[in-house]
PDB file of N, CA and C in Angstrom:
ATOM      1  N   GLN A   1       0.832  -1.195   0.000  1.00  0.00           N
ATOM      2  CA  GLN A   1       0.000   0.000   0.000  1.00  0.00           C
ATOM      3  C   GLN A   1       0.874   1.256   0.000  1.00  0.00           C
ATOM      4  N   LYS A   2       2.007   1.200   0.682  1.00  0.00           N
ATOM      5  CA  LYS A   2       2.891   2.364   0.680  1.00  0.00           C
ATOM      6  C   LYS A   2       3.394   2.661  -0.724  1.00  0.00           C
ATOM      7  N   GLU A   3       3.670   1.609  -1.486  1.00  0.00           N
ATOM      8  CA  GLU A   3       4.216   1.790  -2.834  1.00  0.00           C
ATOM      9  C   GLU A   3       3.149   2.183  -3.847  1.00  0.00           C
ATOM     10  N   LEU A   4       2.011   1.514  -3.801  1.00  0.00           N
ATOM     11  CA  LEU A   4       0.963   1.736  -4.804  1.00  0.00           C
ATOM     12  C   LEU A   4      -0.082   2.759  -4.365  1.00  0.00           C
ATOM     13  N   GLY A   5      -0.151   3.011  -3.070  1.00  0.00           N
ATOM     14  CA  GLY A   5      -1.180   3.912  -2.565  1.00  0.00           C
ATOM     15  C   GLY A   5      -2.502   3.188  -2.378  1.00  0.00           C
ATOM     16  N   GLY A   6      -3.377   3.819  -1.638  1.00  0.00           N
ATOM     17  CA  GLY A   6      -4.680   3.223  -1.377  1.00  0.00           C
ATOM     18  C   GLY A   6      -5.712   3.643  -2.409  1.00  0.00           C
ATOM     19  N   ARG A   7      -6.899   3.065  -2.269  1.00  0.00           N
ATOM     20  CA  ARG A   7      -8.013   3.386  -3.160  1.00  0.00           C
ATOM     21  C   ARG A   7      -9.198   3.846  -2.314  1.00  0.00           C
ATOM     22  N   PRO A   8      -9.186   5.100  -1.899  1.00  0.00           N
ATOM     23  CA  PRO A   8     -10.235   5.581  -0.996  1.00  0.00           C
ATOM     24  C   PRO A   8     -11.643   5.481  -1.579  1.00  0.00           C
ATOM     25  N   ASP A   9     -11.764   5.562  -2.888  1.00  0.00           N
ATOM     26  CA  ASP A   9     -13.096   5.493  -3.500  1.00  0.00           C
ATOM     27  C   ASP A   9     -13.713   4.105  -3.387  1.00  0.00           C
ATOM     28  N   GLU A  10     -12.906   3.112  -3.028  1.00  0.00           N
ATOM     29  CA  GLU A  10     -13.393   1.747  -2.861  1.00  0.00           C
ATOM     30  C   GLU A  10     -13.372   1.310  -1.397  1.00  0.00           C
ATOM     31  N   CYS A  11     -13.077   2.244  -0.490  1.00  0.00           N
ATOM     32  CA  CYS A  11     -12.850   1.919   0.919  1.00  0.00           C
ATOM     33  C   CYS A  11     -14.073   2.246   1.774  1.00  0.00           C
ATOM     34  N   VAL A  12     -14.534   1.268   2.537  1.00  0.00           N
ATOM     35  CA  VAL A  12     -15.690   1.458   3.411  1.00  0.00           C
ATOM     36  C   VAL A  12     -15.366   2.442   4.538  1.00  0.00           C
ATOM     37  N   ILE A  13     -14.147   2.396   5.050  1.00  0.00           N
ATOM     38  CA  ILE A  13     -13.758   3.311   6.123  1.00  0.00           C
ATOM     39  C   ILE A  13     -13.782   4.753   5.619  1.00  0.00           C
ATOM     40  N   TYR A  14     -13.232   4.979   4.440  1.00  0.00           N
ATOM     41  CA  TYR A  14     -13.249   6.329   3.868  1.00  0.00           C
ATOM     42  C   TYR A  14     -14.692   6.780   3.631  1.00  0.00           C
ATOM     43  N   GLU A  15     -15.532   5.879   3.202  1.00  0.00           N
ATOM     44  CA  GLU A  15     -16.945   6.201   2.982  1.00  0.00           C
ATOM     45  C   GLU A  15     -17.611   6.638   4.293  1.00  0.00           C
ATOM     46  N   MET A  16     -17.301   5.936   5.392  1.00  0.00           N
ATOM     47  CA  MET A  16     -17.848   6.341   6.692  1.00  0.00           C
ATOM     48  C   MET A  16     -17.355   7.725   7.086  1.00  0.00           C
ATOM     49  N   LEU A  17     -16.081   8.002   6.814  1.00  0.00           N
ATOM     50  CA  LEU A  17     -15.544   9.322   7.117  1.00  0.00           C
ATOM     51  C   LEU A  17     -16.284  10.396   6.325  1.00  0.00           C
ATOM     52  N   VAL A  18     -16.500  10.141   5.052  1.00  0.00           N
ATOM     53  CA  VAL A  18     -17.141  11.122   4.173  1.00  0.00           C
ATOM     54  C   VAL A  18     -18.587  11.393   4.585  1.00  0.00           C
ATOM     55  N   TYR A  19     -19.355  10.340   4.816  1.00  0.00           N
ATOM     56  CA  TYR A  19     -20.791  10.517   5.011  1.00  0.00           C
ATOM     57  C   TYR A  19     -21.233  10.672   6.465  1.00  0.00           C
ATOM     58  N   HIS A  20     -20.368  10.278   7.414  1.00  0.00           N
ATOM     59  CA  HIS A  20     -20.841  10.266   8.795  1.00  0.00           C
ATOM     60  C   HIS A  20     -19.917  10.911   9.825  1.00  0.00           C
ATOM     61  N   LEU A  21     -18.630  10.941   9.581  1.00  0.00           N
ATOM     62  CA  LEU A  21     -17.716  11.285  10.665  1.00  0.00           C
ATOM     63  C   LEU A  21     -16.943  12.588  10.505  1.00  0.00           C
ATOM     64  N   VAL A  22     -16.690  13.030   9.284  1.00  0.00           N
ATOM     65  CA  VAL A  22     -15.877  14.232   9.070  1.00  0.00           C
ATOM     66  C   VAL A  22     -16.686  15.247   8.269  1.00  0.00           C
ATOM     67  N   ASP A  23     -16.854  16.424   8.835  1.00  0.00           N
ATOM     68  CA  ASP A  23     -17.612  17.481   8.160  1.00  0.00           C
ATOM     69  C   ASP A  23     -16.731  18.392   7.317  1.00  0.00           C
ATOM     70  N   ASP A  24     -15.465  18.460   7.643  1.00  0.00           N
ATOM     71  CA  ASP A  24     -14.536  19.391   6.998  1.00  0.00           C
ATOM     72  C   ASP A  24     -14.026  18.826   5.669  1.00  0.00           C
ATOM     73  N   ASP A  25     -14.394  19.476   4.568  1.00  0.00           N
ATOM     74  CA  ASP A  25     -13.984  19.014   3.240  1.00  0.00           C
ATOM     75  C   ASP A  25     -12.470  19.036   3.053  1.00  0.00           C
ATOM     76  N   LYS A  26     -11.805  20.001   3.658  1.00  0.00           N
ATOM     77  CA  LYS A  26     -10.343  20.078   3.536  1.00  0.00           C
ATOM     78  C   LYS A  26      -9.678  18.891   4.226  1.00  0.00           C
ATOM     79  N   GLU A  27     -10.215  18.515   5.381  1.00  0.00           N
ATOM     80  CA  GLU A  27      -9.672  17.351   6.092  1.00  0.00           C
ATOM     81  C   GLU A  27      -9.897  16.077   5.282  1.00  0.00           C
ATOM     82  N   LEU A  28     -11.086  15.953   4.689  1.00  0.00           N
ATOM     83  CA  LEU A  28     -11.374  14.779   3.863  1.00  0.00           C
ATOM     84  C   LEU A  28     -10.441  14.711   2.657  1.00  0.00           C
ATOM     85  N   GLU A  29     -10.196  15.838   2.027  1.00  0.00           N
ATOM     86  CA  GLU A  29      -9.298  15.864   0.868  1.00  0.00           C
ATOM     87  C   GLU A  29      -7.881  15.478   1.280  1.00  0.00           C
ATOM     88  N   LYS A  30      -7.456  15.941   2.446  1.00  0.00           N
ATOM     89  CA  LYS A  30      -6.123  15.586   2.953  1.00  0.00           C
ATOM     90  C   LYS A  30      -6.033  14.078   3.189  1.00  0.00           C
ATOM     91  N   ILE A  31      -7.051  13.507   3.821  1.00  0.00           N
ATOM     92  CA  ILE A  31      -7.080  12.065   4.072  1.00  0.00           C
ATOM     93  C   ILE A  31      -7.044  11.307   2.750  1.00  0.00           C
ATOM     94  N   ARG A  32      -7.835  11.752   1.793  1.00  0.00           N
ATOM     95  CA  ARG A  32      -7.902  11.093   0.485  1.00  0.00           C
ATOM     96  C   ARG A  32      -6.548  11.125  -0.218  1.00  0.00           C
ATOM     97  N   GLU A  33      -5.921  12.292  -0.249  1.00  0.00           N
ATOM     98  CA  GLU A  33      -4.622  12.434  -0.920  1.00  0.00           C
ATOM     99  C   GLU A  33      -3.548  11.593  -0.232  1.00  0.00           C
ATOM    100  N   GLU A  34      -3.514  11.638   1.106  1.00  0.00           N
ATOM    101  CA  GLU A  34      -2.513  10.862   1.836  1.00  0.00           C
ATOM    102  C   GLU A  34      -2.716   9.369   1.624  1.00  0.00           C
ATOM    103  N   CYS A  35      -3.959   8.945   1.525  1.00  0.00           N
ATOM    104  CA  CYS A  35      -4.256   7.541   1.247  1.00  0.00           C
ATOM    105  C   CYS A  35      -3.752   7.154  -0.141  1.00  0.00           C
ATOM    106  N   MET A  36      -4.109   7.952  -1.125  1.00  0.00           N
ATOM    107  CA  MET A  36      -3.728   7.641  -2.505  1.00  0.00           C
ATOM    108  C   MET A  36      -2.214   7.678  -2.707  1.00  0.00           C
ATOM    109  N   ASN A  37      -1.518   8.521  -1.928  1.00  0.00           N
ATOM    110  CA  ASN A  37      -0.066   8.627  -2.044  1.00  0.00           C
ATOM    111  C   ASN A  37       0.677   7.593  -1.204  1.00  0.00           C
ATOM    112  N   GLY A  38      -0.048   6.792  -0.430  1.00  0.00           N
ATOM    113  CA  GLY A  38       0.583   5.784   0.412  1.00  0.00           C
ATOM    114  C   GLY A  38       1.130   6.334   1.716  1.00  0.00           C
ATOM    115  N   GLU A  39       0.797   7.581   2.036  1.00  0.00           N
ATOM    116  CA  GLU A  39       1.264   8.194   3.281  1.00  0.00           C
ATOM    117  C   GLU A  39       0.400   7.781   4.473  1.00  0.00           C
ATOM    118  N   LEU A  40      -0.863   7.493   4.228  1.00  0.00           N
ATOM    119  CA  LEU A  40      -1.803   7.096   5.272  1.00  0.00           C
ATOM    120  C   LEU A  40      -2.192   5.644   5.025  1.00  0.00           C
ATOM    121  N   LEU A  41      -1.861   4.786   5.961  1.00  0.00           N
ATOM    122  CA  LEU A  41      -2.153   3.366   5.809  1.00  0.00           C
ATOM    123  C   LEU A  41      -3.496   3.023   6.444  1.00  0.00           C
ATOM    124  N   CYS A  42      -4.048   1.897   6.038  1.00  0.00           N
ATOM    125  CA  CYS A  42      -5.386   1.493   6.478  1.00  0.00           C
ATOM    126  C   CYS A  42      -5.512   1.427   7.998  1.00  0.00           C
ATOM    127  N   GLY A  43      -4.518   0.880   8.660  1.00  0.00           N
ATOM    128  CA  GLY A  43      -4.588   0.748  10.115  1.00  0.00           C
ATOM    129  C   GLY A  43      -4.745   2.084  10.810  1.00  0.00           C
ATOM    130  N   HIS A  44      -3.980   3.066  10.376  1.00  0.00           N
ATOM    131  CA  HIS A  44      -4.075   4.397  10.970  1.00  0.00           C
ATOM    132  C   HIS A  44      -5.437   5.024  10.684  1.00  0.00           C
ATOM    133  N   CYS A  45      -5.931   4.825   9.492  1.00  0.00           N
ATOM    134  CA  CYS A  45      -7.229   5.378   9.107  1.00  0.00           C
ATOM    135  C   CYS A  45      -8.348   4.732   9.936  1.00  0.00           C
ATOM    136  N   LYS A  46      -8.248   3.429  10.163  1.00  0.00           N
ATOM    137  CA  LYS A  46      -9.252   2.726  10.966  1.00  0.00           C
ATOM    138  C   LYS A  46      -9.244   3.215  12.409  1.00  0.00           C
ATOM    139  N   VAL A  47      -8.054   3.435  12.959  1.00  0.00           N
ATOM    140  CA  VAL A  47      -7.954   3.947  14.328  1.00  0.00           C
ATOM    141  C   VAL A  47      -8.582   5.337  14.414  1.00  0.00           C
ATOM    142  N   HIS A  48      -8.288   6.184  13.435  1.00  0.00           N
ATOM    143  CA  HIS A  48      -8.860   7.537  13.406  1.00  0.00           C
ATOM    144  C   HIS A  48     -10.388   7.470  13.329  1.00  0.00           C
ATOM    145  N   ALA A  49     -10.908   6.605  12.468  1.00  0.00           N
ATOM    146  CA  ALA A  49     -12.361   6.456  12.333  1.00  0.00           C
ATOM    147  C   ALA A  49     -12.970   5.944  13.638  1.00  0.00           C
ATOM    148  N   ALA A  50     -12.306   5.007  14.294  1.00  0.00           N
ATOM    149  CA  ALA A  50     -12.813   4.471  15.559  1.00  0.00           C
ATOM    150  C   ALA A  50     -12.863   5.555  16.629  1.00  0.00           C
ATOM    151  N   GLU A  51     -11.848   6.405  16.676  1.00  0.00           N
ATOM    152  CA  GLU A  51     -11.836   7.507  17.645  1.00  0.00           C
ATOM    153  C   GLU A  51     -12.974   8.487  17.371  1.00  0.00           C
ATOM    154  N   LEU A  52     -13.204   8.789  16.099  1.00  0.00           N
ATOM    155  CA  LEU A  52     -14.303   9.692  15.745  1.00  0.00           C
ATOM    156  C   LEU A  52     -15.656   9.079  16.094  1.00  0.00           C
ATOM    157  N   MET A  53     -15.803   7.768  15.871  1.00  0.00           N
ATOM    158  CA  MET A  53     -17.054   7.090  16.215  1.00  0.00           C
ATOM    159  C   MET A  53     -17.270   7.100  17.725  1.00  0.00           C
ATOM    160  N   LYS A  54     -16.205   6.873  18.484  1.00  0.00           N
ATOM    161  CA  LYS A  54     -16.293   6.903  19.947  1.00  0.00           C
ATOM    162  C   LYS A  54     -16.768   8.275  20.412  1.00  0.00           C
ATOM    163  N   ASP A  55     -16.171   9.329  19.875  1.00  0.00           N
ATOM    164  CA  ASP A  55     -16.581  10.693  20.228  1.00  0.00           C
ATOM    165  C   ASP A  55     -18.040  10.945  19.862  1.00  0.00           C
ATOM    166  N   PHE A  56     -18.439  10.467  18.681  1.00  0.00           N
ATOM    167  CA  PHE A  56     -19.815  10.644  18.226  1.00  0.00           C
ATOM    168  C   PHE A  56     -20.797  10.000  19.203  1.00  0.00           C
ATOM    169  N   PHE A  57     -20.509   8.758  19.608  1.00  0.00           N
ATOM    170  CA  PHE A  57     -21.430   8.054  20.495  1.00  0.00           C
ATOM    171  C   PHE A  57     -21.415   8.622  21.913  1.00  0.00           C
ATOM    172  N   GLU A  58     -20.272   9.147  22.354  1.00  0.00           N
ATOM    173  CA  GLU A  58     -20.243   9.811  23.660  1.00  0.00           C
ATOM    174  C   GLU A  58     -21.117  11.058  23.637  1.00  0.00           C
ATOM    175  N   ASP A  59     -21.026  11.844  22.579  1.00  0.00           N
ATOM    176  CA  ASP A  59     -21.874  13.034  22.439  1.00  0.00           C
ATOM    177  C   ASP A  59     -23.345  12.653  22.355  1.00  0.00           C
ATOM    178  N   LEU A  60     -23.629  11.588  21.628  1.00  0.00           N
ATOM    179  CA  LEU A  60     -25.004  11.119  21.490  1.00  0.00           C
ATOM    180  C   LEU A  60     -25.577  10.713  22.844  1.00  0.00           C
ATOM    181  N   LYS A  61     -24.764  10.038  23.657  1.00  0.00           N
ATOM    182  CA  LYS A  61     -25.224   9.615  24.980  1.00  0.00           C
ATOM    183  C   LYS A  61     -25.561  10.825  25.849  1.00  0.00           C
ATOM    184  N   VAL A  62     -24.720  11.847  25.814  1.00  0.00           N
ATOM    185  CA  VAL A  62     -24.972  13.067  26.589  1.00  0.00           C
ATOM    186  C   VAL A  62     -26.274  13.717  26.129  1.00  0.00           C
ATOM    187  N   LYS A  63     -26.462  13.823  24.829  1.00  0.00           N
ATOM    188  CA  LYS A  63     -27.687  14.432  24.296  1.00  0.00           C
ATOM    189  C   LYS A  63     -28.919  13.619  24.683  1.00  0.00           C
ATOM    190  N   GLN A  64     -28.780  12.297  24.668  1.00  0.00           N
ATOM    191  CA  GLN A  64     -29.893  11.431  25.039  1.00  0.00           C
ATOM    192  C   GLN A  64     -30.258  11.644  26.509  1.00  0.00           C
ATOM    193  N   GLU A  65     -29.244  11.708  27.366  1.00  0.00           N
ATOM    194  CA  GLU A  65     -29.501  11.927  28.791  1.00  0.00           C
ATOM    195  C   GLU A  65     -30.167  13.281  29.026  1.00  0.00           C
ATOM    196  N   GLU A  66     -29.721  14.301  28.308  1.00  0.00           N
ATOM    197  CA  GLU A  66     -30.335  15.627  28.435  1.00  0.00           C
ATOM    198  C   GLU A  66     -31.783  15.598  27.963  1.00  0.00           C
ATOM    199  N   SER A  67     -32.049  14.864  26.900  1.00  0.00           N
ATOM    200  CA  SER A  67     -33.416  14.767  26.375  1.00  0.00           C
ATOM    201  C   SER A  67     -34.333  14.064  27.364  1.00  0.00           C
ATOM    202  N   VAL A  68     -33.822  13.034  28.015  1.00  0.00           N
ATOM    203  CA  VAL A  68     -34.619  12.320  29.015  1.00  0.00           C
ATOM    204  C   VAL A  68     -34.951  13.255  30.173  1.00  0.00           C
ATOM    205  N   GLU A  69     -33.973  14.036  30.611  1.00  0.00           N
ATOM    206  CA  GLU A  69     -34.215  14.992  31.700  1.00  0.00           C
ATOM    207  C   GLU A  69     -35.285  16.009  31.305  1.00  0.00           C
ATOM    208  N   ILE A  70     -35.213  16.502  30.097  1.00  0.00           N
ATOM    209  CA  ILE A  70     -36.210  17.470  29.622  1.00  0.00           C
ATOM    210  C   ILE A  70     -37.586  16.823  29.563  1.00  0.00           C
ATOM    211  N   ALA A  71     -37.655  15.616  29.034  1.00  0.00           N
ATOM    212  CA  ALA A  71     -38.938  14.916  28.933  1.00  0.00           C
ATOM    213  C   ALA A  71     -39.521  14.650  30.314  1.00  0.00           C
ATOM    214  N   GLU A  72     -38.684  14.236  31.253  1.00  0.00           N
ATOM    215  CA  GLU A  72     -39.169  13.973  32.612  1.00  0.00           C
ATOM    216  C   GLU A  72     -39.662  15.255  33.280  1.00  0.00           C
ATOM    217  N   SER A  73     -38.998  16.373  33.001  1.00  0.00           N
ATOM    218  CA  SER A  73     -39.424  17.637  33.616  1.00  0.00           C
ATOM    219  C   SER A  73     -40.792  18.081  33.097  1.00  0.00           C
ATOM    220  N   LEU A  74     -41.159  17.646  31.929  1.00  0.00           N
ATOM    221  CA  LEU A  74     -42.471  17.998  31.384  1.00  0.00           C
ATOM    222  C   LEU A  74     -43.602  17.327  32.149  1.00  0.00           C
ATOM    223  N   PHE A  75     -43.304  16.183  32.770  1.00  0.00           N
ATOM    224  CA  PHE A  75     -44.334  15.445  33.494  1.00  0.00           C
ATOM    225  C   PHE A  75     -44.347  15.758  34.983  1.00  0.00           C
ATOM    226  N   ASP A  76     -43.433  16.593  35.447  1.00  0.00           N
ATOM    227  CA  ASP A  76     -43.401  16.961  36.873  1.00  0.00           C
ATOM    228  C   ASP A  76     -44.341  18.093  37.172  1.00  0.00           C
TER     229      ASP A  76
END
């Protein structure tokens, strides 16, 4: 992969980054270029995606807890 580069357009991890995890187009372009140039390997990309998913679900849990508190306050 270092020699030939990656194929982000065929990569499920890159697809998750594009559609669900990264909002910044410049960051996505950097990831894409580094992948294609062999600078970013699959393992590193997977770790980055896992960290972003962890952050996403932690934020989701906080929002869910806040929503439950709001809903419960409506019935008090």
